[in-house]
Amino acid sequence: MSGIMTEVISEIGTPLVPEYRNDDFRRGFIEFLPERIYFQSGTYMYCLDSNGALIFKYEIDAPSRSSPSIRGNKCIYFGDGAGNLYILKPNGELVRKFYLSASLETTPYINEEDDKIYVTTDTFWECDMEATGCTGLVIDYQGYSSPTAEGRIAYAGFDDGYLYEVDFETLSYIAITVSGAEAVRCSPVKEDRRVYWNSRDGTAFYYDFERREGYASYHGLTTDSTMAKHGNYLYLASYKKFACFEWTIFLGRMTFLKRWEREDIKSAWSSPALFISDDELLYIFIGATDFNLYALKDKGEDVYAFKTGDVVESSPLVDSSANAYFGSNDGYFYAVDISGNLIFKYQTEDAIKASPSLQKSDRIIVEGIEYIVREGVRLPLVKKGDIIKSEHHNNQVIFTRDVILKYLPPSYTHVKL
C-alpha cells in the first residue's frame, strides 16, 4: 500500500503505530475554531463566544492597553491601569489579583517551562505562575512594550529609549539604545537572542545579544506599534504611512530598502497581523486612524477596508480562516471575514484600545472528504460537517477516532490531512 506516513509521539513518549493516508483519496482540511474571545474595554475584561454573545465580563480597577494571555484552558492573565496583574479562570472567577507598580499596559508573557510570567510596568517583572511572588528590575520609566522571552531571559523596551535583556536567573541585564533614540513602545521581535525593534522617533534596531553586536538605521517613521517580520521583510505601521521594507546588513551597516508604502494608511497604536500559509504571506491586516480595518495583499493592494465609527487602535487578531477580530474606539468589537463581511459586532461601554486574544476550542470541523487507513484497514468516513474531539499534547493533535495527525502552528491556514 502506498501512502504518506505521519510520525507522532504518544502521551507517554513512545512511538505509536504510524498512520497512513492513501494518496488515491481526496485531501481534507481541518479548521480550528475560536471558542472564546477575550478583550479589555474601559474597566471590564470581556469574554465572548465565537458568535459574539457575552459569556462574562469582569470589572477591573482602571483601563489599560493590556491584552490577555491565555494558558491553555486553565487561566487568563492580564493587567490594568492601576498596576494590578489579574488571573481569571475561564468562567470569569478570580484566582488572584496581585499589585505590582504603576500602570500595567502590556500583554503578559507566559513561560510554561519555568512556570514564570513576564510583565512590564515601570519595572520589568518576573512572577511565578500563581503570582504569589515577583522579582523586578526597576526602570523608573513606563513600559508599553509587551515582553518576550527565551527561558528566563526576557526582552522588553521602556520609555527611557532602551531595549532590555534581563536574565532573571543570574539577575543581570543588558540595555541597548543609540544617542537620541526615543521611547521603545513596540514589542521586540525575537529570533533566539537576535532581536529587532523600533524606537518611537523612527530608528530601527537589530541586536545579537549572543555576539554582542548590532546595528541601527533611521527610517524616520514615528511609531508606537510593533512591526511584523516575514523573512527579510518588515511591515511597519506609523503615524505617517504603512510601509514594507526589506532589511539587509551590507558592509557593516543595516539598510532598509522600501518595497512599497501606503500613505493613505496611518496607524496610532495598531500593529500589523500577517496571515501566513505554508510560509507564504497571503494577507496583512492593520487598523488605521481613518476608522478602517484594512486587509491587504502581500504587495500592499487592498483586499478590503472595513469602516468602523472611530479610530482603530486595537491590533487585529486573525484566525485560521483569515477572519479578523478587533476593537474600535467607537466601543464596538468586530469580527470580519476575508471578504470584508461583518460576522458580528458587540457593543461595549467604552473605547476598545487593547488587542483581543482567542482561546481555541477542543472541537474541529472537517472540510472536504477523507479516508484514513490504519494497518491496512479503512477507518470510518470523515465527511464535511463532522465534529471530532481532540486532545493537544506536545504540539500534536490526537483525535478520538484513532486518527493521529501532526498539528501545525496557528500561523498555517489549515491542518492538512
Protein backbone atom coordinates (compact mmCIF):
# COMPACT_ATOMS: atom_id res chain seq x y z
CA MET A 1 0.00 0.00 0.00
CA SER A 2 1.33 3.43 -0.90
CA GLY A 3 0.66 6.36 1.36
CA ILE A 4 2.03 9.15 3.48
CA MET A 5 3.28 8.26 6.95
CA THR A 6 2.84 10.78 9.73
CA GLU A 7 5.20 10.30 12.67
CA VAL A 8 3.73 11.05 16.09
CA ILE A 9 4.71 10.78 19.71
CA SER A 10 2.35 9.28 22.26
CA GLU A 11 1.45 10.82 25.60
CA ILE A 12 3.96 8.58 27.40
CA GLY A 13 6.70 9.32 24.89
CA THR A 14 6.65 6.03 22.96
CA PRO A 15 6.05 5.82 19.20
CA LEU A 16 2.53 4.97 18.10
CA VAL A 17 1.61 2.84 15.10
CA PRO A 18 2.31 5.02 12.02
CA GLU A 19 -0.79 6.32 10.29
CA TYR A 20 -1.14 6.26 6.50
CA ARG A 21 -3.27 8.32 4.17
CA ASN A 22 -3.74 6.70 0.79
CA ASP A 23 -2.86 9.15 -1.99
CA ASP A 24 -5.85 7.94 -4.01
CA PHE A 25 -8.28 9.61 -1.63
CA ARG A 26 -9.23 13.28 -1.55
CA ARG A 27 -7.41 15.61 0.78
CA GLY A 28 -9.44 17.26 3.52
CA PHE A 29 -8.90 20.22 5.79
CA ILE A 30 -9.36 20.68 9.50
CA GLU A 31 -10.25 24.12 10.79
CA PHE A 32 -9.66 25.01 14.43
CA LEU A 33 -12.43 27.21 15.75
CA PRO A 34 -12.10 30.03 18.29
CA GLU A 35 -14.25 29.09 21.27
CA ARG A 36 -13.78 32.20 23.36
CA ILE A 37 -12.63 35.74 22.60
CA TYR A 38 -11.18 37.94 25.35
CA PHE A 39 -10.55 41.69 25.21
CA GLN A 40 -10.43 44.70 27.50
CA SER A 41 -12.62 47.79 27.17
CA GLY A 42 -12.80 50.54 29.77
CA THR A 43 -12.92 48.95 33.21
CA TYR A 44 -14.03 45.49 32.05
CA MET A 45 -12.47 42.35 30.65
CA TYR A 46 -14.98 40.82 28.22
CA CYS A 47 -15.35 37.22 27.16
CA LEU A 48 -17.46 36.42 24.07
CA ASP A 49 -18.25 33.16 22.34
CA SER A 50 -17.48 32.58 18.65
CA ASN A 51 -20.89 34.04 17.70
CA GLY A 52 -20.29 37.29 19.57
CA ALA A 53 -22.52 36.51 22.56
CA LEU A 54 -21.35 37.62 26.01
CA ILE A 55 -20.13 34.83 28.29
CA PHE A 56 -18.98 37.13 31.09
CA LYS A 57 -17.42 40.50 31.82
CA TYR A 58 -15.14 41.11 34.78
CA GLU A 59 -14.73 44.54 36.36
CA ILE A 60 -11.18 45.85 36.87
CA ASP A 61 -9.82 48.89 38.71
CA ALA A 62 -8.66 51.06 35.77
CA PRO A 63 -8.47 50.87 31.94
CA SER A 64 -5.26 49.83 30.17
CA ARG A 65 -4.00 48.52 26.83
CA SER A 66 -3.11 45.14 28.34
CA SER A 67 -4.22 42.22 26.19
CA PRO A 68 -4.88 38.89 27.89
CA SER A 69 -2.58 35.89 27.66
CA ILE A 70 -4.28 32.51 27.84
CA ARG A 71 -2.72 29.48 29.49
CA GLY A 72 -4.44 26.64 27.63
CA ASN A 73 -7.87 26.15 29.17
CA LYS A 74 -6.62 26.95 32.68
CA CYS A 75 -6.22 30.69 33.29
CA ILE A 76 -6.29 34.14 31.68
CA TYR A 77 -3.59 36.68 32.65
CA PHE A 78 -3.85 40.45 32.09
CA GLY A 79 -3.18 43.80 33.73
CA ASP A 80 -4.98 47.08 34.42
CA GLY A 81 -4.11 50.76 34.61
CA ALA A 82 -3.85 50.64 38.41
CA GLY A 83 -0.86 48.27 38.26
CA ASN A 84 -2.69 45.03 39.05
CA LEU A 85 -2.00 41.64 37.49
CA TYR A 86 -5.17 39.53 37.26
CA ILE A 87 -5.54 35.77 36.93
CA LEU A 88 -9.02 34.55 35.98
CA LYS A 89 -10.45 31.10 35.43
CA PRO A 90 -12.15 30.55 32.03
CA ASN A 91 -15.54 31.08 33.73
CA GLY A 92 -14.51 34.56 34.90
CA GLU A 93 -13.80 33.59 38.51
CA LEU A 94 -10.89 35.49 40.07
CA VAL A 95 -7.91 33.34 41.02
CA ARG A 96 -5.62 36.18 42.09
CA LYS A 97 -5.24 39.95 41.90
CA PHE A 98 -1.63 40.99 42.53
CA TYR A 99 -0.50 44.62 42.76
CA LEU A 100 2.83 45.34 41.04
CA SER A 101 3.57 49.04 40.39
CA ALA A 102 2.47 51.83 38.07
CA SER A 103 0.19 51.07 35.13
CA LEU A 104 0.31 47.60 33.54
CA GLU A 105 -0.23 48.34 29.83
CA THR A 106 1.35 45.23 28.29
CA THR A 107 0.49 41.65 27.46
CA PRO A 108 1.90 39.12 29.95
CA TYR A 109 4.33 36.57 28.50
CA ILE A 110 3.77 33.04 29.82
CA ASN A 111 6.83 30.81 30.24
CA GLU A 112 5.26 27.37 30.78
CA GLU A 113 8.57 25.52 31.03
CA ASP A 114 9.80 27.52 34.02
CA ASP A 115 6.33 28.39 35.43
CA LYS A 116 7.00 32.12 35.06
CA ILE A 117 5.15 35.20 33.80
CA TYR A 118 6.85 38.33 32.45
CA VAL A 119 5.15 41.76 32.51
CA THR A 120 6.23 45.39 32.48
CA THR A 121 5.01 48.43 34.40
CA ASP A 122 7.71 50.96 35.32
CA THR A 123 9.57 47.81 36.34
CA PHE A 124 10.47 44.65 34.40
CA TRP A 125 8.80 41.82 36.36
CA GLU A 126 9.19 38.06 36.59
CA CYS A 127 6.32 36.46 38.55
CA ASP A 128 5.60 32.85 39.39
CA MET A 129 2.63 31.32 37.58
CA GLU A 130 0.31 31.82 40.57
CA ALA A 131 1.53 35.43 41.06
CA THR A 132 2.37 34.78 44.71
CA GLY A 133 5.84 36.29 44.35
CA CYS A 134 7.62 38.57 41.86
CA THR A 135 11.14 39.83 41.15
CA GLY A 136 11.64 43.09 39.26
CA LEU A 137 14.26 45.29 37.64
CA VAL A 138 13.29 48.89 38.43
CA ILE A 139 13.43 51.07 35.30
CA ASP A 140 11.51 54.14 36.58
CA TYR A 141 10.06 54.71 33.10
CA GLN A 142 6.70 53.41 31.91
CA GLY A 143 6.71 50.26 29.79
CA TYR A 144 4.32 49.86 26.85
CA SER A 145 6.40 47.13 25.20
CA SER A 146 5.00 43.64 25.76
CA PRO A 147 7.81 41.29 26.76
CA THR A 148 9.01 38.15 25.04
CA ALA A 149 11.37 35.56 26.50
CA GLU A 150 13.65 32.61 25.87
CA GLY A 151 13.66 30.57 29.06
CA ARG A 152 14.25 33.01 31.92
CA ILE A 153 15.91 35.60 29.65
CA ALA A 154 13.27 38.22 28.86
CA TYR A 155 13.18 41.23 26.50
CA ALA A 156 11.15 44.47 26.52
CA GLY A 157 11.51 48.19 25.80
CA PHE A 158 10.71 51.19 28.00
CA ASP A 159 10.07 54.90 27.62
CA ASP A 160 13.71 55.66 28.53
CA GLY A 161 14.61 54.62 24.96
CA TYR A 162 16.30 51.34 25.90
CA LEU A 163 15.61 47.74 24.96
CA TYR A 164 16.41 45.48 27.91
CA GLU A 165 17.55 41.88 28.00
CA VAL A 166 17.11 40.65 31.59
CA ASP A 167 18.44 37.30 32.81
CA PHE A 168 16.23 36.61 35.82
CA GLU A 169 18.24 33.54 36.77
CA THR A 170 21.50 35.46 37.22
CA LEU A 171 19.75 38.79 37.98
CA SER A 172 21.77 40.60 35.32
CA TYR A 173 20.76 42.72 32.34
CA ILE A 174 21.92 44.42 29.15
CA ALA A 175 20.34 47.68 27.90
CA ILE A 176 20.69 48.83 24.27
CA THR A 177 19.99 52.21 22.64
CA VAL A 178 21.65 54.87 20.47
CA SER A 179 22.06 58.58 21.13
CA GLY A 180 18.83 60.48 20.53
CA ALA A 181 16.55 57.43 20.42
CA GLU A 182 13.14 57.97 21.97
CA ALA A 183 10.75 55.61 23.79
CA VAL A 184 10.59 51.94 22.79
CA ARG A 185 6.87 51.13 22.82
CA CYS A 186 6.84 48.30 20.31
CA SER A 187 7.22 44.70 21.38
CA PRO A 188 10.56 43.20 20.33
CA VAL A 189 10.61 40.63 17.53
CA LYS A 190 12.92 37.83 18.65
CA GLU A 191 14.74 35.02 16.85
CA ASP A 192 16.75 33.20 19.53
CA ARG A 193 18.84 36.04 21.02
CA ARG A 194 18.65 38.12 17.83
CA VAL A 195 16.16 40.92 18.43
CA TYR A 196 14.52 43.54 16.18
CA TRP A 197 12.69 46.65 17.39
CA ASN A 198 11.88 50.32 16.68
CA SER A 199 12.11 53.43 18.81
CA ARG A 200 9.34 56.00 18.64
CA ASP A 201 11.44 58.56 16.74
CA GLY A 202 11.87 56.24 13.73
CA THR A 203 15.06 54.29 14.43
CA ALA A 204 15.15 50.58 13.64
CA PHE A 205 17.42 48.30 15.64
CA TYR A 206 18.88 44.84 15.26
CA TYR A 207 21.00 43.36 18.04
CA ASP A 208 22.52 39.92 18.55
CA PHE A 209 22.82 39.52 22.32
CA GLU A 210 24.85 36.34 21.88
CA ARG A 211 27.55 38.02 19.79
CA ARG A 212 27.11 41.42 21.46
CA GLU A 213 26.88 43.23 18.14
CA GLY A 214 24.12 45.15 16.43
CA TYR A 215 23.04 47.87 14.04
CA ALA A 216 20.70 50.86 13.96
CA SER A 217 19.16 52.62 10.97
CA TYR A 218 16.97 55.73 10.90
CA HIS A 219 13.83 55.46 8.73
CA GLY A 220 12.01 58.45 10.22
CA LEU A 221 8.56 56.89 10.75
CA THR A 222 7.15 57.81 14.15
CA THR A 223 5.53 54.70 15.56
CA ASP A 224 4.10 53.18 18.73
CA SER A 225 3.19 49.89 17.07
CA THR A 226 5.09 46.62 16.75
CA MET A 227 6.50 45.75 13.35
CA ALA A 228 5.74 42.37 11.78
CA LYS A 229 8.51 40.31 10.19
CA HIS A 230 8.39 37.68 7.45
CA GLY A 231 11.74 36.56 6.13
CA ASN A 232 13.78 39.70 5.43
CA TYR A 233 10.66 41.84 5.05
CA LEU A 234 9.50 44.16 7.82
CA TYR A 235 5.97 45.62 7.90
CA LEU A 236 5.81 48.87 9.81
CA ALA A 237 2.77 50.97 10.73
CA SER A 238 3.34 54.61 11.67
CA TYR A 239 1.54 57.91 12.15
CA LYS A 240 2.61 58.90 8.60
CA LYS A 241 2.13 55.78 6.49
CA PHE A 242 2.20 51.98 6.36
CA ALA A 243 5.27 50.56 4.65
CA CYS A 244 7.11 47.37 3.78
CA PHE A 245 10.92 47.34 3.98
CA GLU A 246 13.47 44.76 3.03
CA TRP A 247 16.31 44.88 5.52
CA THR A 248 19.88 43.83 4.85
CA ILE A 249 23.26 44.13 6.53
CA PHE A 250 25.86 45.25 3.99
CA LEU A 251 29.45 46.33 4.68
CA GLY A 252 28.76 46.57 8.38
CA ARG A 253 25.62 48.69 8.03
CA MET A 254 21.93 47.86 8.34
CA THR A 255 19.99 49.20 5.37
CA PHE A 256 16.26 49.48 4.72
CA LEU A 257 15.02 49.19 1.15
CA LYS A 258 11.43 50.36 0.81
CA ARG A 259 9.44 47.84 -1.24
CA TRP A 260 6.06 49.54 -1.07
CA GLU A 261 4.12 52.01 1.03
CA ARG A 262 0.53 53.16 1.63
CA GLU A 263 0.40 56.85 2.55
CA ASP A 264 -3.37 56.60 2.99
CA ILE A 265 -3.00 54.11 5.88
CA LYS A 266 -1.87 55.75 9.12
CA SER A 267 -1.85 53.94 12.44
CA ALA A 268 -1.82 55.20 16.02
CA TRP A 269 -1.10 52.03 18.03
CA SER A 270 -2.42 49.17 15.90
CA SER A 271 0.23 46.61 14.90
CA PRO A 272 0.04 44.59 11.66
CA ALA A 273 -1.03 40.95 11.72
CA LEU A 274 0.27 38.62 8.99
CA PHE A 275 -1.70 35.67 7.64
CA ILE A 276 0.81 33.06 6.50
CA SER A 277 0.16 29.66 4.95
CA ASP A 278 2.93 27.18 4.06
CA ASP A 279 5.44 30.01 4.62
CA GLU A 280 3.66 32.19 2.04
CA LEU A 281 2.36 35.58 3.11
CA LEU A 282 -1.24 35.85 1.90
CA TYR A 283 -2.75 38.80 3.80
CA ILE A 284 -1.75 41.72 6.03
CA PHE A 285 -4.21 43.27 8.49
CA ILE A 286 -3.84 46.70 10.12
CA GLY A 287 -6.08 49.16 11.97
CA ALA A 288 -5.97 52.83 10.94
CA THR A 289 -6.75 56.35 12.12
CA ASP A 290 -9.27 56.80 9.27
CA PHE A 291 -11.61 54.41 11.19
CA ASN A 292 -10.85 51.43 8.91
CA LEU A 293 -9.51 47.95 9.41
CA TYR A 294 -7.51 47.15 6.26
CA ALA A 295 -6.79 43.75 4.79
CA LEU A 296 -4.02 43.91 2.18
CA LYS A 297 -2.30 41.52 -0.19
CA ASP A 298 1.42 40.90 0.18
CA LYS A 299 2.31 43.78 -2.18
CA GLY A 300 0.05 46.24 -0.38
CA GLU A 301 -3.05 46.06 -2.60
CA ASP A 302 -6.46 46.25 -0.91
CA VAL A 303 -8.44 43.13 -0.14
CA TYR A 304 -10.97 45.21 1.78
CA ALA A 305 -11.32 48.25 4.04
CA PHE A 306 -13.89 47.76 6.79
CA LYS A 307 -15.27 51.03 8.18
CA THR A 308 -15.94 51.46 11.91
CA GLY A 309 -17.17 54.50 13.81
CA ASP A 310 -13.82 55.72 15.16
CA VAL A 311 -10.05 55.17 15.15
CA VAL A 312 -8.89 51.54 15.23
CA GLU A 313 -6.03 51.41 17.76
CA SER A 314 -6.61 47.75 18.59
CA SER A 315 -4.25 45.34 16.82
CA PRO A 316 -6.24 42.77 14.83
CA LEU A 317 -6.07 39.08 15.62
CA VAL A 318 -6.64 36.62 12.78
CA ASP A 319 -7.87 33.02 12.99
CA SER A 320 -7.13 30.07 10.70
CA SER A 321 -9.86 31.15 8.24
CA ALA A 322 -8.46 34.70 7.93
CA ASN A 323 -11.33 36.14 9.97
CA ALA A 324 -10.16 39.31 11.73
CA TYR A 325 -11.13 40.18 15.32
CA PHE A 326 -10.50 43.71 16.60
CA GLY A 327 -11.90 46.61 18.58
CA SER A 328 -12.52 50.24 17.70
CA ASN A 329 -12.61 53.44 19.71
CA ASP A 330 -16.32 53.56 18.79
CA GLY A 331 -16.85 50.98 21.57
CA TYR A 332 -17.67 48.04 19.30
CA PHE A 333 -15.80 44.77 18.99
CA TYR A 334 -15.86 43.39 15.43
CA ALA A 335 -15.37 40.08 13.66
CA VAL A 336 -14.95 40.36 9.87
CA ASP A 337 -14.38 37.63 7.26
CA ILE A 338 -11.78 37.77 4.48
CA SER A 339 -14.36 39.16 2.04
CA GLY A 340 -14.88 42.15 4.32
CA ASN A 341 -18.28 40.99 5.54
CA LEU A 342 -19.31 41.53 9.15
CA ILE A 343 -19.57 38.28 11.10
CA PHE A 344 -20.70 40.00 14.29
CA LYS A 345 -20.17 43.12 16.35
CA TYR A 346 -20.58 43.59 20.09
CA GLN A 347 -21.17 46.93 21.81
CA THR A 348 -19.22 47.74 24.98
CA GLU A 349 -19.36 50.77 27.25
CA ASP A 350 -16.04 52.36 26.26
CA ALA A 351 -13.37 52.56 23.56
CA ILE A 352 -11.52 49.31 22.79
CA LYS A 353 -7.81 50.10 22.55
CA ALA A 354 -6.41 46.72 23.61
CA SER A 355 -6.00 43.74 21.31
CA PRO A 356 -8.06 40.56 21.67
CA SER A 357 -6.96 37.00 22.41
CA LEU A 358 -8.59 33.84 21.11
CA GLN A 359 -8.96 30.60 23.01
CA LYS A 360 -9.18 27.64 20.62
CA SER A 361 -11.91 25.08 21.04
CA ASP A 362 -11.20 21.39 21.56
CA ARG A 363 -13.61 20.84 18.65
CA ILE A 364 -12.72 20.86 14.97
CA ILE A 365 -14.77 20.95 11.82
CA VAL A 366 -13.67 18.81 8.91
CA GLU A 367 -13.88 20.35 5.43
CA GLY A 368 -13.79 18.02 2.43
CA ILE A 369 -13.82 14.21 2.48
CA GLU A 370 -11.09 11.95 3.82
CA TYR A 371 -10.49 8.25 4.44
CA ILE A 372 -7.83 7.28 6.95
CA VAL A 373 -6.11 3.92 6.60
CA ARG A 374 -4.52 2.28 9.63
CA GLU A 375 -2.68 -1.03 9.30
CA GLY A 376 -4.46 -1.61 6.01
CA VAL A 377 -7.96 -1.12 7.49
CA ARG A 378 -10.04 1.82 6.29
CA LEU A 379 -11.48 3.75 9.21
CA PRO A 380 -14.99 5.28 9.17
CA LEU A 381 -15.57 8.05 6.64
CA VAL A 382 -14.86 11.57 7.87
CA LYS A 383 -17.15 13.90 5.98
CA LYS A 384 -17.81 17.61 5.84
CA GLY A 385 -19.56 18.91 8.93
CA ASP A 386 -18.38 16.15 11.27
CA ILE A 387 -17.43 17.30 14.75
CA ILE A 388 -14.45 15.45 16.20
CA LYS A 389 -12.95 16.00 19.64
CA SER A 390 -9.21 16.29 20.02
CA GLU A 391 -6.51 16.44 22.66
CA HIS A 392 -3.47 18.70 22.44
CA HIS A 393 -0.18 17.25 23.65
CA ASN A 394 3.42 18.20 22.85
CA ASN A 395 2.38 20.10 19.71
CA GLN A 396 0.49 17.04 18.45
CA VAL A 397 -3.24 16.65 18.00
CA ILE A 398 -4.66 13.25 18.92
CA PHE A 399 -8.11 12.59 17.51
CA THR A 400 -10.57 10.32 19.26
CA ARG A 401 -11.42 8.39 16.07
CA ASP A 402 -7.97 6.77 16.06
CA VAL A 403 -6.84 9.46 13.66
CA ILE A 404 -3.41 10.84 14.55
CA LEU A 405 -2.01 13.84 12.71
CA LYS A 406 0.77 16.32 13.22
CA TYR A 407 -0.52 19.68 14.47
CA LEU A 408 0.78 22.73 12.60
CA PRO A 409 1.16 26.13 14.31
CA PRO A 410 -1.77 28.61 14.19
CA SER A 411 0.02 30.66 11.50
CA TYR A 412 -0.93 27.98 8.96
CA THR A 413 -4.25 28.29 7.20
CA HIS A 414 -5.35 24.71 7.85
CA VAL A 415 -4.06 21.46 9.13
CA LYS A 416 -3.83 19.24 6.07
CA LEU A 417 -4.72 15.57 6.22
